[in-house]
Protein backbone atom coordinates (compact mmCIF):
# COMPACT_ATOMS: atom_id res chain seq x y z
CA MET A 1 271.58 191.99 -28.76
CA SER A 2 274.91 190.87 -30.12
CA THR A 3 276.39 187.75 -30.95
CA GLY A 4 280.44 186.78 -32.14
CA VAL A 5 282.36 183.84 -32.49
CA ILE A 6 285.72 182.72 -29.12
CA THR A 7 289.06 183.62 -31.22
CA LYS A 8 291.49 182.77 -27.96
CA VAL A 9 291.13 181.00 -24.18
CA ALA A 10 293.83 182.41 -22.03
CA GLY A 11 292.67 181.21 -18.22
CA PRO A 12 290.41 183.55 -17.33
CA LEU A 13 290.62 185.79 -20.10
CA VAL A 14 288.31 185.15 -23.59
CA LEU A 15 289.07 187.19 -26.56
CA ALA A 16 285.62 187.04 -29.27
CA SER A 17 285.31 188.44 -32.04
CA GLY A 18 282.20 190.29 -33.74
CA MET A 19 281.25 191.77 -30.74
CA ARG A 20 280.96 195.32 -32.25
CA ASP A 21 277.35 196.59 -30.99
CA ALA A 22 278.28 195.41 -27.56
CA ASP A 23 279.03 197.69 -25.01
CA LEU A 24 282.24 197.59 -22.39
CA PHE A 25 280.97 196.07 -18.93
CA ASP A 26 278.43 194.11 -20.76
CA VAL A 27 277.90 191.07 -19.28
CA VAL A 28 278.05 188.35 -21.72
CA ARG A 29 277.21 184.21 -22.31
CA VAL A 30 280.14 182.48 -23.36
CA SER A 31 280.03 178.66 -24.98
CA ARG A 32 277.14 176.83 -24.99
CA GLN A 33 277.96 175.95 -21.83
CA ARG A 34 276.46 179.77 -20.85
CA LEU A 35 279.75 180.92 -18.88
CA ILE A 36 279.17 184.28 -17.35
CA GLY A 37 281.30 187.33 -18.60
CA GLU A 38 282.09 190.54 -18.76
CA ILE A 39 283.77 192.16 -21.36
CA ILE A 40 286.38 194.14 -19.96
CA GLU A 41 288.18 196.02 -23.07
CA MET A 42 287.01 196.58 -26.38
CA HIS A 43 289.57 197.30 -29.55
CA GLY A 44 287.37 197.28 -32.99
CA ASP A 45 284.92 194.45 -33.23
CA GLU A 46 287.56 192.53 -30.92
CA ALA A 47 286.20 192.20 -26.70
CA SER A 48 288.29 190.86 -23.89
CA ILE A 49 285.95 189.12 -21.65
CA GLN A 50 286.90 188.47 -18.00
CA VAL A 51 285.03 185.01 -17.25
CA TYR A 52 283.38 184.37 -13.99
CA GLU A 53 283.37 180.04 -14.23
CA GLU A 54 286.06 177.83 -15.06
CA THR A 55 287.45 178.16 -18.76
CA SER A 56 288.17 174.47 -18.97
CA GLY A 57 287.56 172.92 -22.16
CA LEU A 58 286.62 176.02 -23.97
CA GLY A 59 287.71 176.59 -27.11
CA PRO A 60 288.22 178.99 -30.61
CA GLY A 61 284.83 178.96 -32.96
CA GLU A 62 282.45 178.64 -29.39
CA PRO A 63 279.83 181.38 -29.49
CA VAL A 64 279.43 184.27 -27.09
CA GLU A 65 276.12 185.92 -26.45
CA SER A 66 275.59 189.85 -25.02
CA THR A 67 273.03 190.37 -22.94
CA GLY A 68 273.03 194.24 -23.45
CA MET A 69 273.35 194.98 -19.55
CA PRO A 70 276.43 195.58 -17.14
CA LEU A 71 276.97 193.37 -14.25
CA SER A 72 274.00 194.25 -11.79
CA VAL A 73 272.94 193.00 -8.42
CA GLU A 74 269.64 192.13 -7.65
CA LEU A 75 267.79 194.05 -4.83
CA GLY A 76 264.58 193.18 -2.92
CA PRO A 77 263.50 191.11 0.22
CA GLY A 78 265.48 188.29 0.67
CA LEU A 79 268.81 189.29 0.53
CA ILE A 80 269.06 189.26 3.83
CA SER A 81 270.66 185.52 5.50
CA SER A 82 271.47 184.48 2.01
CA ILE A 83 274.99 183.52 1.03
CA TYR A 84 276.23 184.13 -1.93
CA ASP A 85 278.70 183.64 -4.16
CA GLY A 86 281.20 186.79 -5.62
CA ILE A 87 278.30 187.17 -8.30
CA GLN A 88 275.21 187.05 -6.47
CA ARG A 89 274.26 183.53 -6.97
CA PRO A 90 272.72 181.70 -4.20
CA LEU A 91 274.81 179.02 -2.49
CA ASP A 92 272.35 177.06 -1.08
CA GLU A 93 269.95 176.67 -4.37
CA ILE A 94 273.12 176.23 -6.51
CA MET A 95 274.07 173.62 -3.89
CA LYS A 96 270.61 171.63 -4.54
CA LEU A 97 271.69 171.54 -8.27
CA SER A 98 274.39 170.55 -8.37
CA GLY A 99 275.93 168.92 -5.09
CA SER A 100 278.40 170.33 -2.94
CA SER A 101 280.65 171.32 -6.04
CA LEU A 102 280.02 174.51 -8.63
CA LYS A 103 279.02 173.06 -11.77
CA ARG A 104 279.89 175.70 -14.58
CA GLY A 105 276.88 176.91 -16.61
CA VAL A 106 274.71 177.10 -13.67
CA GLU A 107 271.43 179.33 -13.81
CA VAL A 108 270.07 180.89 -9.95
CA PRO A 109 267.92 183.50 -9.72
CA SER A 110 269.68 185.73 -6.72
CA LEU A 111 266.50 186.74 -5.31
CA LYS A 112 263.58 183.33 -4.72
CA ARG A 113 261.04 184.43 -7.66
CA ASP A 114 258.45 181.77 -5.97
CA ARG A 115 258.86 183.18 -2.29
CA LYS A 116 255.90 185.54 -1.04
CA TRP A 117 255.99 188.53 1.13
CA GLU A 118 253.73 190.64 2.87
CA PHE A 119 254.29 194.29 1.44
CA GLU A 120 252.65 197.03 3.62
CA ALA A 121 251.77 200.42 1.29
CA LEU A 122 252.81 204.01 3.05
CA ALA A 123 252.02 205.62 0.06
CA ASP A 124 248.61 206.48 -1.37
CA PRO A 125 246.74 207.10 -4.86
CA GLY A 126 247.82 210.31 -5.76
CA ASP A 127 251.20 210.92 -3.61
CA GLN A 128 253.62 213.05 -6.07
CA VAL A 129 256.37 210.34 -5.68
CA GLU A 130 260.65 211.20 -6.69
CA THR A 131 263.27 208.52 -6.69
CA GLY A 132 264.31 207.19 -3.38
CA ASP A 133 260.71 207.75 -1.60
CA VAL A 134 258.96 204.88 0.51
CA LEU A 135 256.77 202.75 -1.41
CA GLY A 136 255.80 200.85 1.79
CA THR A 137 257.78 198.17 3.65
CA VAL A 138 258.09 194.04 4.07
CA ARG A 139 259.41 192.66 6.96
CA GLU A 140 262.48 190.35 6.35
CA THR A 141 263.17 189.06 9.38
CA ALA A 142 263.00 189.72 12.81
CA ALA A 143 265.78 192.71 12.90
CA VAL A 144 265.20 193.93 9.57
CA VAL A 145 262.17 195.91 7.86
CA GLN A 146 262.71 196.68 4.02
CA LYS A 147 261.57 200.05 2.81
CA ILE A 148 259.91 199.46 -0.29
CA LEU A 149 262.24 202.56 -2.46
CA VAL A 150 260.74 204.55 -5.71
CA PRO A 151 263.58 203.38 -8.31
CA TRP A 152 266.48 205.86 -9.96
CA GLY A 153 264.83 207.51 -12.13
CA ILE A 154 261.20 207.49 -11.48
CA SER A 155 258.93 210.49 -10.41
CA GLY A 156 255.11 211.64 -10.64
CA ARG A 157 252.23 210.36 -9.55
CA VAL A 158 251.33 207.23 -7.73
CA LYS A 159 248.38 205.48 -9.38
CA THR A 160 247.88 201.97 -8.04
CA ILE A 161 249.21 200.71 -5.28
CA HIS A 162 247.89 197.49 -3.08
CA SER A 163 249.28 195.88 0.62
CA GLY A 164 249.28 192.53 0.09
CA SER A 165 251.36 189.17 -0.64
CA TYR A 166 253.55 189.63 -3.54
CA THR A 167 256.86 187.85 -5.21
CA VAL A 168 259.81 190.02 -6.52
CA GLU A 169 258.42 189.99 -9.65
CA GLU A 170 254.99 191.06 -9.27
CA THR A 171 253.97 194.61 -9.75
CA VAL A 172 252.88 196.29 -6.09
CA ALA A 173 252.31 199.83 -7.37
CA VAL A 174 251.92 201.86 -10.63
CA ILE A 175 253.49 205.58 -10.82
CA GLU A 176 251.99 207.78 -14.03
CA THR A 177 255.46 209.54 -15.42
CA GLU A 178 255.85 211.98 -17.96
CA GLU A 179 257.25 209.20 -20.19
CA GLY A 180 254.32 206.93 -19.28
CA GLU A 181 252.90 204.53 -16.81
CA ARG A 182 256.18 202.64 -14.65
CA GLU A 183 255.33 199.24 -12.77
CA VAL A 184 257.32 199.33 -9.48
CA THR A 185 258.01 195.68 -8.40
CA LEU A 186 259.49 195.07 -4.99
CA MET A 187 263.04 194.11 -6.39
CA GLN A 188 265.41 196.36 -8.74
CA ARG A 189 268.49 195.97 -10.32
CA TRP A 190 271.66 197.79 -10.25
CA PRO A 191 275.21 197.83 -11.75
CA VAL A 192 277.50 196.67 -9.22
CA ARG A 193 280.23 199.08 -10.19
CA LYS A 194 278.30 202.07 -10.62
CA GLY A 195 278.08 203.84 -6.65
CA ARG A 196 274.47 203.99 -5.84
CA PRO A 197 272.82 208.30 -5.74
CA TYR A 198 272.90 210.07 -2.79
CA ARG A 199 271.51 213.40 -1.84
CA LYS A 200 274.43 215.32 -0.10
CA LYS A 201 277.88 213.35 2.01
CA LEU A 202 277.59 214.08 5.55
CA PRO A 203 281.18 214.59 7.35
CA PRO A 204 282.78 212.23 10.32
CA SER A 205 280.95 213.59 13.29
CA LYS A 206 279.68 210.38 15.35
CA PRO A 207 281.75 207.08 16.04
CA LEU A 208 281.27 203.69 14.78
CA ILE A 209 280.96 202.10 18.83
CA THR A 210 282.30 198.59 18.81
CA GLY A 211 282.68 197.93 22.49
CA GLN A 212 286.02 197.31 22.12
CA ARG A 213 288.43 199.12 24.25
CA VAL A 214 291.50 199.51 22.17
CA VAL A 215 289.03 200.38 19.13
CA ASP A 216 286.57 202.85 20.77
CA THR A 217 289.29 204.48 23.27
CA PHE A 218 292.28 204.54 21.41
CA PHE A 219 291.69 203.98 17.68
CA PRO A 220 288.11 204.95 17.09
CA ILE A 221 285.98 204.72 13.09
CA ALA A 222 283.82 207.11 12.63
CA ARG A 223 280.07 206.04 11.44
CA GLY A 224 280.83 205.73 8.01
CA GLY A 225 284.62 205.77 7.92
CA VAL A 226 286.49 203.81 6.73
CA ALA A 227 289.57 201.19 7.98
CA ALA A 228 292.15 198.77 7.32
CA VAL A 229 293.35 195.55 9.47
CA PRO A 230 296.78 194.24 8.44
CA GLY A 231 298.13 191.55 10.35
CA PRO A 232 300.28 188.07 9.35
CA PHE A 233 298.75 184.96 9.70
CA GLY A 234 297.59 183.97 13.31
CA SER A 235 297.15 187.61 14.44
CA GLY A 236 293.45 187.68 15.18
CA LYS A 237 291.80 189.11 11.88
CA THR A 238 288.98 187.05 11.82
CA VAL A 239 288.10 187.04 15.23
CA ILE A 240 288.62 190.93 15.14
CA GLN A 241 285.82 191.20 12.04
CA HIS A 242 283.21 188.86 14.06
CA GLN A 243 283.79 191.18 17.12
CA ARG A 244 282.62 194.24 14.50
CA ALA A 245 280.39 192.26 13.11
CA LYS A 246 278.61 190.95 16.65
CA TRP A 247 278.89 193.90 18.27
CA ALA A 248 279.49 196.93 16.11
CA ASP A 249 276.72 199.56 16.53
CA ALA A 250 275.03 198.99 12.95
CA ASP A 251 272.02 197.73 11.45
CA ILE A 252 272.88 195.41 8.85
CA VAL A 253 276.60 193.64 8.23
CA VAL A 254 277.85 192.35 5.19
CA TYR A 255 280.67 189.95 5.19
CA ILE A 256 282.84 189.54 2.05
CA GLY A 257 284.47 186.03 2.50
CA CYS A 258 287.85 187.26 -0.85
CA GLY A 259 289.70 184.55 -2.14
CA GLU A 260 289.89 183.18 1.65
CA ARG A 261 290.67 179.98 2.52
CA GLY A 262 287.54 177.31 2.23
CA ASN A 263 288.17 176.28 5.85
CA GLU A 264 288.41 180.12 7.05
CA MET A 265 284.85 180.70 5.01
CA THR A 266 283.93 177.72 6.68
CA ASP A 267 283.97 178.75 9.84
CA VAL A 268 282.60 182.09 9.18
CA LEU A 269 279.27 180.15 7.88
CA ASN A 270 279.54 177.99 10.79
CA GLU A 271 279.61 180.68 13.26
CA PHE A 272 276.93 183.28 12.21
CA PRO A 273 274.37 181.51 12.55
CA LYS A 274 275.21 180.71 15.71
CA LEU A 275 275.98 183.81 16.44
CA LYS A 276 273.56 185.18 19.13
CA ASP A 277 272.89 189.21 18.02
CA PRO A 278 272.90 190.98 21.29
CA LYS A 279 270.17 193.62 20.01
CA THR A 280 267.68 190.79 19.11
CA GLY A 281 268.43 188.17 20.48
CA GLN A 282 267.96 186.52 17.10
CA SER A 283 271.01 184.58 15.27
CA LEU A 284 273.31 187.67 14.04
CA MET A 285 272.40 186.05 9.89
CA GLN A 286 269.09 187.92 10.74
CA ARG A 287 270.88 191.01 9.65
CA THR A 288 273.70 189.71 7.95
CA VAL A 289 274.62 189.18 4.52
CA LEU A 290 277.40 186.00 3.35
CA ILE A 291 279.48 186.42 -0.08
CA ALA A 292 281.66 183.65 -0.05
CA ASN A 293 284.49 183.38 -2.63
CA THR A 294 286.87 180.94 -1.72
CA SER A 295 290.19 180.30 -3.19
CA ASP A 296 289.47 177.49 -5.16
CA MET A 297 286.73 179.47 -6.89
CA PRO A 298 287.03 180.99 -10.27
CA VAL A 299 289.81 184.20 -9.98
CA ALA A 300 287.70 186.57 -11.70
CA ALA A 301 284.81 186.23 -9.49
CA ARG A 302 286.71 187.11 -6.85
CA GLU A 303 286.99 190.96 -8.30
CA ALA A 304 283.84 190.88 -8.70
CA SER A 305 282.63 189.81 -5.13
CA ILE A 306 284.04 193.17 -3.45
CA TYR A 307 281.53 195.58 -5.73
CA THR A 308 278.60 193.12 -5.38
CA GLY A 309 278.93 193.33 -1.40
CA ILE A 310 279.23 196.99 -1.49
CA THR A 311 275.95 197.74 -4.06
CA ILE A 312 273.89 195.42 -1.49
CA ALA A 313 275.21 197.94 1.61
CA GLU A 314 274.37 201.11 -0.09
CA TYR A 315 270.83 199.56 -1.00
CA PHE A 316 270.04 199.07 2.95
CA ARG A 317 272.38 202.26 3.73
CA ASP A 318 269.43 204.33 1.47
CA MET A 319 267.05 202.58 3.84
CA GLY A 320 268.54 204.96 6.45
CA TYR A 321 270.30 201.85 7.89
CA SER A 322 273.59 201.74 9.18
CA VAL A 323 275.51 199.25 7.67
CA ALA A 324 279.16 197.62 8.27
CA LEU A 325 281.35 196.16 5.39
CA MET A 326 283.46 193.86 5.87
CA ALA A 327 285.85 192.82 3.39
CA ASP A 328 288.42 190.05 4.05
CA SER A 329 290.76 190.53 2.01
CA THR A 330 291.23 192.71 0.13
CA SER A 331 294.83 191.21 -0.52
CA ARG A 332 293.24 188.58 -2.33
CA TRP A 333 291.31 190.89 -4.75
CA ALA A 334 294.13 192.68 -5.71
CA GLU A 335 295.37 189.30 -6.65
CA ALA A 336 292.65 188.80 -9.26
CA LEU A 337 293.64 192.40 -10.50
CA ARG A 338 297.10 190.86 -10.59
CA GLU A 339 296.27 188.14 -12.89
CA MET A 340 293.39 189.50 -15.22
CA SER A 341 295.62 192.64 -15.77
CA GLY A 342 298.50 189.62 -16.90
CA ARG A 343 296.66 188.11 -19.23
CA LEU A 344 295.63 191.19 -20.82
CA GLU A 345 299.66 192.12 -21.16
CA GLU A 346 299.49 194.94 -19.71
CA MET A 347 302.74 197.22 -18.14
CA PRO A 348 303.15 196.34 -14.39
CA GLY A 349 303.52 198.12 -11.79
CA GLU A 350 304.87 197.07 -8.63
CA GLU A 351 305.51 193.99 -8.18
CA GLY A 352 303.17 192.75 -10.99
CA TYR A 353 300.37 194.32 -9.55
CA PRO A 354 298.68 196.80 -11.87
CA ALA A 355 299.83 200.08 -12.32
CA TYR A 356 295.73 201.24 -11.74
CA LEU A 357 295.87 199.09 -8.05
CA GLY A 358 295.37 202.37 -6.14
CA SER A 359 292.45 203.94 -8.00
CA ARG A 360 290.17 200.63 -7.85
CA LEU A 361 290.89 200.19 -4.29
CA ALA A 362 289.86 204.05 -3.91
CA GLN A 363 287.31 203.72 -6.08
CA PHE A 364 286.08 201.20 -3.64
CA TYR A 365 286.72 202.56 -0.55
CA GLU A 366 284.88 205.94 -1.36
CA ARG A 367 281.60 204.19 -1.59
CA ALA A 368 281.88 204.67 2.18
CA GLY A 369 280.40 207.15 3.71
CA THR A 370 277.54 208.67 5.70
CA VAL A 371 274.83 209.83 3.50
CA ILE A 372 271.74 212.25 3.39
CA ALA A 373 269.68 209.69 1.02
CA LEU A 374 267.34 210.52 -1.78
CA GLY A 375 263.57 211.25 -1.16
CA LYS A 376 261.52 213.69 0.18
CA GLU A 377 262.42 212.25 3.69
CA GLY A 378 265.91 212.94 4.18
CA ARG A 379 267.07 210.07 5.63
CA GLU A 380 270.20 209.63 7.06
CA GLY A 381 272.32 206.35 6.04
CA ALA A 382 276.34 205.07 7.13
CA LEU A 383 277.97 202.33 5.26
CA SER A 384 281.19 201.87 7.21
CA VAL A 385 284.20 200.08 5.69
CA ILE A 386 286.53 197.44 7.24
CA GLY A 387 288.91 195.97 4.74
CA ALA A 388 291.29 193.27 6.17
CA VAL A 389 294.54 192.86 4.04
CA SER A 390 297.22 189.83 4.70
CA PRO A 391 300.27 190.78 3.61
CA PRO A 392 302.73 188.11 3.03
CA GLY A 393 304.69 187.59 6.25
CA GLY A 394 303.18 190.03 7.62
CA ASP A 395 305.48 192.80 5.70
CA ILE A 396 302.67 196.34 5.45
CA SER A 397 305.12 198.12 3.13
CA GLU A 398 303.57 195.72 0.02
CA PRO A 399 301.87 197.59 -2.51
CA VAL A 400 298.32 196.67 -1.65
CA ALA A 401 299.00 197.75 2.25
CA GLN A 402 300.43 201.07 1.46
CA ALA A 403 298.00 201.65 -1.20
CA THR A 404 295.19 201.00 0.91
CA LEU A 405 296.90 203.27 4.11
CA ARG A 406 296.68 205.86 1.64
CA ILE A 407 293.26 205.87 1.09
CA VAL A 408 291.79 205.21 4.71
CA LYS A 409 291.83 207.02 7.66
CA VAL A 410 292.33 204.26 10.61
CA PHE A 411 295.14 201.55 10.52
CA TRP A 412 294.35 198.96 13.70
CA GLY A 413 298.23 197.19 12.79
CA LEU A 414 297.71 193.92 14.00
CA ASP A 415 301.44 192.56 15.63
CA SER A 416 302.26 188.89 15.66
CA ALA A 417 304.30 189.23 18.73
CA LEU A 418 301.21 190.60 20.85
CA ALA A 419 299.67 187.59 19.83
CA TYR A 420 302.11 185.05 20.53
CA GLN A 421 301.70 186.91 23.87
CA ARG A 422 298.08 186.02 23.53
CA HIS A 423 297.34 189.28 24.00
CA PHE A 424 294.64 189.85 21.80
CA PRO A 425 292.56 192.24 19.85
CA ALA A 426 296.39 192.11 18.89
CA ILE A 427 296.39 195.42 17.54
CA ASN A 428 299.98 197.30 18.25
CA TRP A 429 299.11 200.64 20.03
CA LEU A 430 302.43 202.16 18.64
CA LYS A 431 301.72 201.70 14.95
CA SER A 432 298.08 201.93 14.61
CA TYR A 433 296.19 205.58 14.09
CA SER A 434 293.22 207.05 14.11
CA LEU A 435 292.71 210.19 11.69
CA TYR A 436 289.25 210.73 12.99
CA LEU A 437 290.04 211.51 16.24
CA ASN A 438 289.21 215.03 16.39
CA ASP A 439 286.07 214.89 14.25
CA ILE A 440 284.69 212.60 16.62
CA GLU A 441 286.12 214.12 19.55
CA PRO A 442 283.26 216.87 20.42
CA TRP A 443 280.94 213.93 20.38
CA PHE A 444 282.72 212.01 23.25
CA ALA A 445 282.80 215.43 24.85
CA GLU A 446 279.05 215.52 24.48
CA HIS A 447 277.23 211.94 25.30
CA VAL A 448 280.16 210.39 27.48
CA ALA A 449 282.27 212.90 29.17
CA GLY A 450 283.90 216.32 28.84
CA ASP A 451 287.69 214.68 30.01
CA TRP A 452 287.48 211.65 27.65
CA MET A 453 290.49 212.46 24.72
CA GLU A 454 292.80 214.07 27.95
CA LEU A 455 292.25 210.87 29.39
CA ARG A 456 293.33 208.96 25.99
CA ARG A 457 296.29 211.71 25.36
CA ASN A 458 297.65 210.51 28.88
CA MET A 459 297.20 206.70 28.27
CA MET A 460 298.92 207.30 25.39
CA ALA A 461 301.54 209.14 26.66
CA LEU A 462 302.11 207.06 29.12
CA LEU A 463 302.63 203.75 26.63
CA GLN A 464 304.79 205.64 24.29
CA GLU A 465 306.68 206.60 27.73
CA GLU A 466 306.97 203.21 28.42
CA ALA A 467 308.25 201.79 25.18
CA GLU A 468 311.35 204.22 25.65
CA LEU A 469 312.16 202.58 29.27
CA GLU A 470 311.89 199.42 28.11
CA GLU A 471 315.02 199.82 26.35
CA VAL A 472 316.41 201.37 29.13
CA VAL A 473 315.52 198.85 31.52
CA LYS A 474 317.41 196.00 28.82
CA MET A 475 320.48 198.05 29.09
CA VAL A 476 321.10 198.78 32.75
CA GLY A 477 318.43 196.56 34.34
CA MET A 478 315.05 197.45 36.82
CA ASP A 479 317.00 198.62 39.60
CA ALA A 480 318.44 201.42 38.20
CA LEU A 481 315.23 203.11 37.24
CA SER A 482 314.40 205.85 39.74
CA PRO A 483 311.27 205.39 41.42
CA GLY A 484 309.16 207.62 39.22
CA ASP A 485 310.00 205.61 36.09
CA ARG A 486 309.42 202.58 37.96
CA LEU A 487 305.60 203.59 38.26
CA LYS A 488 305.04 204.67 34.79
CA LEU A 489 305.84 201.50 34.19
CA GLU A 490 303.97 200.08 36.34
CA ALA A 491 301.52 202.40 35.51
CA ALA A 492 301.60 201.46 31.71
CA ARG A 493 301.77 197.51 32.55
CA SER A 494 297.97 198.26 34.24
CA ILE A 495 296.89 199.89 30.76
CA ARG A 496 297.45 197.20 27.90
CA GLU A 497 296.74 193.93 30.63
CA ASP A 498 293.81 195.81 32.96
CA PHE A 499 292.51 198.06 29.65
CA LEU A 500 293.54 197.05 26.60
CA HIS A 501 293.71 193.26 26.43
CA GLN A 502 290.06 192.04 26.47
CA ASN A 503 288.82 188.50 26.09
CA SER A 504 286.05 187.42 22.78
CA PHE A 505 284.94 184.84 24.12
CA HIS A 506 284.24 186.19 27.84
CA GLU A 507 280.96 186.64 28.64
CA ILE A 508 281.17 190.21 30.53
CA ASP A 509 284.52 191.51 28.86
CA THR A 510 283.70 190.51 24.78
CA TYR A 511 281.45 194.07 25.00
CA THR A 512 282.92 197.22 26.80
CA SER A 513 280.44 199.96 26.90
CA LEU A 514 281.72 203.91 26.80
CA LYS A 515 280.43 204.24 30.63
CA LYS A 516 282.60 200.91 31.82
CA GLN A 517 285.55 202.54 29.37
CA TYR A 518 285.69 206.01 30.89
CA ARG A 519 285.62 204.60 34.53
CA MET A 520 288.26 201.50 33.04
CA MET A 521 290.36 204.82 32.22
CA LYS A 522 289.62 207.07 35.42
CA LEU A 523 290.92 204.21 37.63
CA VAL A 524 293.84 203.37 35.85
CA LEU A 525 294.45 206.86 35.46
CA GLY A 526 294.01 207.52 39.03
CA PHE A 527 296.13 205.15 40.48
CA TYR A 528 299.37 206.47 38.75
CA GLU A 529 298.33 210.38 39.63
CA GLN A 530 297.54 209.39 42.98
CA CYS A 531 300.83 207.21 43.67
CA THR A 532 302.43 209.88 42.01
CA GLU A 533 301.75 212.26 44.75
CA ALA A 534 302.11 209.92 47.22
CA LEU A 535 306.21 209.66 46.17
CA GLU A 536 306.56 213.18 46.28
CA GLN A 537 305.10 213.21 50.20
CA GLY A 538 307.77 210.20 50.56
CA ALA A 539 305.91 207.11 50.18
CA PRO A 540 307.46 204.48 49.50
CA ILE A 541 307.60 202.83 45.84
CA GLN A 542 307.71 199.67 46.91
CA GLY A 543 304.94 199.87 49.14
CA LEU A 544 302.87 201.45 46.05
CA LEU A 545 303.32 198.45 43.75
CA SER A 546 301.88 195.81 46.15
CA MET A 547 299.21 197.29 47.60
CA GLU A 548 295.99 195.51 47.29
CA VAL A 549 293.84 197.37 45.27
CA ARG A 550 295.76 197.13 42.34
CA GLU A 551 293.61 193.62 41.74
CA GLN A 552 290.39 195.22 42.18
CA ILE A 553 291.36 197.60 39.59
CA GLY A 554 292.22 194.86 37.61
CA ARG A 555 289.07 193.02 37.51
CA TYR A 556 286.83 196.27 37.31
CA LYS A 557 286.56 194.68 33.31
CA TYR A 558 284.04 191.72 34.64
CA THR A 559 281.88 193.61 36.33
CA PRO A 560 278.41 193.55 35.45
CA GLU A 561 276.78 197.28 33.97
CA GLU A 562 274.47 197.13 36.77
CA ASP A 563 276.88 197.08 38.97
CA LEU A 564 279.25 199.55 37.47
CA ASP A 565 278.55 202.50 39.37
CA VAL A 566 278.59 200.72 43.40
CA GLN A 567 281.96 198.96 42.18
CA TYR A 568 283.85 202.08 40.73
CA GLU A 569 283.24 203.74 43.67
CA ALA A 570 284.12 201.04 46.06
CA VAL A 571 287.72 201.02 44.22
CA LYS A 572 288.18 204.81 44.44
CA LYS A 573 287.35 204.98 48.26
CA LYS A 574 290.53 201.39 48.83
CA LEU A 575 292.50 203.14 46.35
CA ALA A 576 292.26 206.49 48.50
CA SER A 577 292.49 204.48 51.97
CA GLU A 578 295.49 202.58 50.84
CA ILE A 579 297.47 205.59 49.69
CA ALA A 580 297.11 207.37 52.80
CA GLY A 581 298.29 204.38 54.21
CA GLN A 582 301.68 204.33 52.44
CA ILE A 583 302.21 207.58 53.12
CA GLY A 584 304.30 208.03 56.07
CA LYS A 585 305.61 204.32 55.20
CA GLU A 586 309.39 204.23 55.35
CA GLU A 587 310.80 202.63 53.11
CA ARG A 588 312.29 198.20 54.18
């Protein structure tokens, strides 16, 4: 264990000499207050330390003690439903010790040491096991069963294993390895800056179903994929993240509030326990881990929060779960990088961000994916990452947004103009994109309908033509358009209002199954195609646009799942009869 002395303090950066025996990325205790820090640079025996707590009042001459371990998280029962700060300190436990304000130097274990968990052994004495094999399970909440895995670097024969009640530090099994006997507890540690290993990464082939029509139909994200949600203030980023957390086809949700305003994080902390999990009927917190690092907390801990969150997410992925990680927002994380880079006097890149901004973002996002986990079982787990970006003034040409877009494959561009029109989700369909479409097209064709992608393409084409026609309308007015163009505009309006607009707070409209999305597409496009044919047969455009069935098409999104088929056939029949009634009518 190396002990040095502080030579310089510059905000969250502390320089200490006499640290020759310490390693890069070791966790250190700074000063007599034992503040938590991490070595980020070494020059001879001088260490540059990033301190994760407030450094005011520190001065040269105070001691610095290395723990000899990198910054790690504790992984085991007790993670679910917890609320941590950026370096995995439980905020509820800290509050008991220090009240509502975060005191410096508080040492609290991440997982409760006194709580007993019911461990059910699945392996037997004498079994040959390797890294990643399941030794047993612990039911953590109504929604989550934790699998206790053989830790990294251990393989051999199970000597003893017993079911029963254990704390996270008590030995549940002993494994005989070539190096001798190794005790296994319910808890393991993992360094946050190192991705957890897996056997094989799989290509994306299945969508992460969210129940949000604009996402699932137009810009889907693959299970194990990465997406960015850039958007200005008030464009609905938080509601979108809530909807993903609530409805996404994921077993575990990890929500990171990184440098967000205190009131926004408070909303999340108040909302999530109240949100009802549609899968279990329990609180959403029963399958959620929250990491809260608000803008008034030390800036360096903000930088660590992203890595803490994704390491916890990887731990559940290795058990074979599908995990959705929400990072809100990576812009604030990048600001923490910029501040530390400035303190280290590094050469700045664009807008003062460090030159390595892009590579750090890539390191984070590349830890997502669908993988075959270690172990003989060959479990398939997925980690999907959705990062919110908060560009100043909504300008996505700034470095963080651009560096993110170079890495992610889905871009949900939020638009303030749509938000002002109360069109939510305010995802701009002309600017957004998904590069997973070709990979997951076979899945939609097999599991939903063979013509799913064709319908999507037709709807996108109509929306693009609408944008072009609107320019014409601005110049010469609606009356100058041909009946065919007027019909296109109306069909596009129907797509926007009846399909893309979705009310997150309506009990039925908040979630739309893929079957329902398909039926809605068929109705909206069916109206356009049948009206086009009727126009060719001489039907008046005004009569077609004023048909009563149009309202029924618009209201189909409020149809309960059990009535979908009946209602669909009724609307289809009414559409056909009303169009037939228009053919042969004279234009008034």
